[in-house]
Amino acid sequence: MNNKKVVRLDLLVYAVFGLAATWLLYVGYMYVATRAAEGRSAEPLFEAFPKLREHRGKALIYCFSPQCGPCRPMSKEVDALIAEGAPIFKLDISEQPALARELGIRATPTLIVVETGTICRMLLGAKTARFMHELISVPAS
């Protein structure tokens, strides 16, 4: 009887460590994938957002999907920032999948910071309105 408990415990430990390792590998992959886009030209975005080409300073591209759970509350914050005049452009990746593939968007929500025609930063995951505002207000380092 005691042997069965040990075996079940071992399986549980292996399962937990296996899931943790898988999650860490996924997070690492997503980090590397988003960093790969940085420094590339923002040219693919100009067709979808002509005003982006003319914008001076930092602008934010908010990539979302209507089916994305974390995107729903974040979309409300993005809309509020846009209403305040923040240079934010919304990209529904379900309507423009080819553009999303070209940019390397693998998950939503994703934020792309564009400055002087270049993708200078790509961030994955839900962010607050304050964080987004700081992204486009702080000078590039």
Protein backbone atom coordinates (compact mmCIF):
# COMPACT_ATOMS: atom_id res chain seq x y z
CA MET A 1 0.00 0.00 0.00
CA ASN A 2 2.78 2.40 0.90
CA ASN A 3 4.50 1.61 -2.40
CA LYS A 4 1.45 2.79 -4.37
CA LYS A 5 1.48 6.15 -2.57
CA VAL A 6 5.15 6.63 -3.41
CA VAL A 7 4.55 5.82 -7.08
CA ARG A 8 1.58 8.21 -7.26
CA LEU A 9 3.60 10.92 -5.55
CA ASP A 10 6.48 10.37 -7.97
CA LEU A 11 4.12 10.68 -10.93
CA LEU A 12 2.64 13.87 -9.50
CA VAL A 13 6.09 15.36 -8.97
CA TYR A 14 7.15 14.44 -12.52
CA ALA A 15 3.94 15.88 -13.94
CA VAL A 16 4.35 19.16 -12.05
CA PHE A 17 8.01 19.51 -13.03
CA GLY A 18 7.19 18.57 -16.62
CA LEU A 19 4.48 21.20 -16.86
CA ALA A 20 6.71 23.79 -15.21
CA ALA A 21 9.55 23.02 -17.63
CA THR A 22 7.18 23.21 -20.60
CA TRP A 23 5.83 26.55 -19.41
CA LEU A 24 9.34 27.95 -18.90
CA LEU A 25 10.38 26.84 -22.39
CA TYR A 26 7.28 28.48 -23.86
CA VAL A 27 7.92 31.74 -22.01
CA GLY A 28 11.53 31.68 -23.18
CA TYR A 29 10.49 31.04 -26.76
CA MET A 30 7.97 33.90 -26.68
CA TYR A 31 10.59 36.25 -25.21
CA VAL A 32 13.08 35.40 -27.96
CA ALA A 33 10.38 35.63 -30.65
CA THR A 34 9.27 39.10 -29.57
CA ARG A 35 12.86 40.32 -29.34
CA ALA A 36 13.51 39.11 -32.90
CA ALA A 37 11.08 41.71 -34.28
CA GLU A 38 12.76 44.62 -32.54
CA GLY A 39 14.84 46.80 -34.81
CA ARG A 40 12.88 45.80 -37.92
CA SER A 41 11.16 48.31 -40.14
CA ALA A 42 7.54 49.13 -39.34
CA GLU A 43 6.84 49.34 -43.08
CA PRO A 44 4.28 46.46 -43.06
CA LEU A 45 2.14 48.51 -40.64
CA PHE A 46 1.99 51.61 -42.83
CA GLU A 47 -0.54 50.15 -45.25
CA ALA A 48 -2.91 49.30 -42.40
CA PHE A 49 -2.24 52.58 -40.56
CA PRO A 50 -1.30 55.39 -42.98
CA LYS A 51 -1.21 57.96 -40.15
CA LEU A 52 1.55 55.93 -38.48
CA ARG A 53 3.95 56.84 -41.29
CA GLU A 54 3.45 60.54 -40.56
CA HIS A 55 3.62 60.23 -36.78
CA ARG A 56 6.68 61.68 -35.07
CA GLY A 57 7.70 60.17 -31.75
CA LYS A 58 6.54 56.91 -30.26
CA ALA A 59 3.32 55.19 -31.23
CA LEU A 60 1.77 52.01 -29.94
CA ILE A 61 0.18 49.23 -31.98
CA TYR A 62 -2.25 47.21 -29.89
CA CYS A 63 -2.63 43.73 -31.39
CA PHE A 64 -5.70 41.89 -30.16
CA SER A 65 -8.29 39.31 -31.03
CA PRO A 66 -12.01 39.51 -30.16
CA GLN A 67 -11.82 35.94 -28.77
CA CYS A 68 -8.94 36.80 -26.41
CA GLY A 69 -10.01 36.91 -22.75
CA PRO A 70 -7.26 39.26 -21.48
CA CYS A 71 -7.82 41.54 -24.50
CA ARG A 72 -11.38 42.49 -23.51
CA PRO A 73 -10.58 44.61 -20.43
CA MET A 74 -7.37 45.87 -22.02
CA SER A 75 -9.32 47.03 -25.10
CA LYS A 76 -11.42 49.30 -22.89
CA GLU A 77 -8.27 50.90 -21.50
CA VAL A 78 -6.82 51.28 -25.00
CA ASP A 79 -10.03 52.93 -26.20
CA ALA A 80 -9.87 55.37 -23.28
CA LEU A 81 -6.27 56.26 -24.11
CA ILE A 82 -7.16 56.76 -27.79
CA ALA A 83 -10.03 59.06 -26.73
CA GLU A 84 -7.46 61.11 -24.78
CA GLY A 85 -5.41 61.48 -27.97
CA ALA A 86 -2.71 58.89 -27.33
CA PRO A 87 -0.98 57.66 -30.51
CA ILE A 88 -2.34 54.12 -30.33
CA PHE A 89 -3.45 52.04 -33.29
CA LYS A 90 -5.57 48.89 -32.92
CA LEU A 91 -4.79 45.81 -35.01
CA ASP A 92 -7.37 43.02 -34.92
CA ILE A 93 -5.24 40.05 -35.92
CA SER A 94 -8.30 37.99 -36.82
CA GLU A 95 -9.04 40.51 -39.59
CA GLN A 96 -5.42 40.80 -40.74
CA PRO A 97 -3.77 37.39 -40.19
CA ALA A 98 -1.15 37.89 -42.93
CA LEU A 99 0.07 41.11 -41.31
CA ALA A 100 0.14 39.40 -37.90
CA ARG A 101 2.27 36.57 -39.34
CA GLU A 102 4.61 39.03 -41.05
CA LEU A 103 5.11 40.90 -37.78
CA GLY A 104 5.65 37.66 -35.86
CA ILE A 105 2.67 38.05 -33.54
CA ARG A 106 2.19 34.70 -31.86
CA ALA A 107 -0.25 35.59 -29.08
CA THR A 108 -2.57 38.35 -27.96
CA PRO A 109 -2.55 40.87 -26.50
CA THR A 110 0.71 42.13 -27.97
CA LEU A 111 1.95 45.71 -27.90
CA ILE A 112 4.35 47.01 -30.53
CA VAL A 113 6.18 50.27 -29.88
CA VAL A 114 7.08 52.07 -33.11
CA GLU A 115 9.42 55.04 -33.29
CA THR A 116 10.65 56.76 -36.44
CA GLY A 117 9.50 53.93 -38.67
CA THR A 118 11.15 51.18 -36.62
CA ILE A 119 9.77 48.57 -34.26
CA CYS A 120 11.68 49.38 -31.11
CA ARG A 121 9.88 47.10 -28.67
CA MET A 122 7.37 44.25 -28.66
CA LEU A 123 5.61 43.18 -25.47
CA LEU A 124 3.38 40.23 -24.82
CA GLY A 125 0.52 40.05 -22.32
CA ALA A 126 -2.07 42.32 -20.76
CA LYS A 127 -0.82 45.72 -19.61
CA THR A 128 -2.40 48.58 -17.70
CA ALA A 129 -3.33 51.95 -19.16
CA ARG A 130 -0.61 53.55 -17.03
CA PHE A 131 2.02 51.16 -18.40
CA MET A 132 0.92 51.81 -22.00
CA HIS A 133 0.97 55.57 -21.44
CA GLU A 134 4.49 55.34 -20.01
CA LEU A 135 5.63 53.27 -23.01
CA ILE A 136 4.83 56.06 -25.43
CA SER A 137 5.79 59.01 -23.22
CA VAL A 138 9.24 58.01 -21.99
CA PRO A 139 12.12 58.91 -24.33
CA ALA A 140 13.93 55.96 -25.94
CA SER A 141 17.03 54.80 -24.10
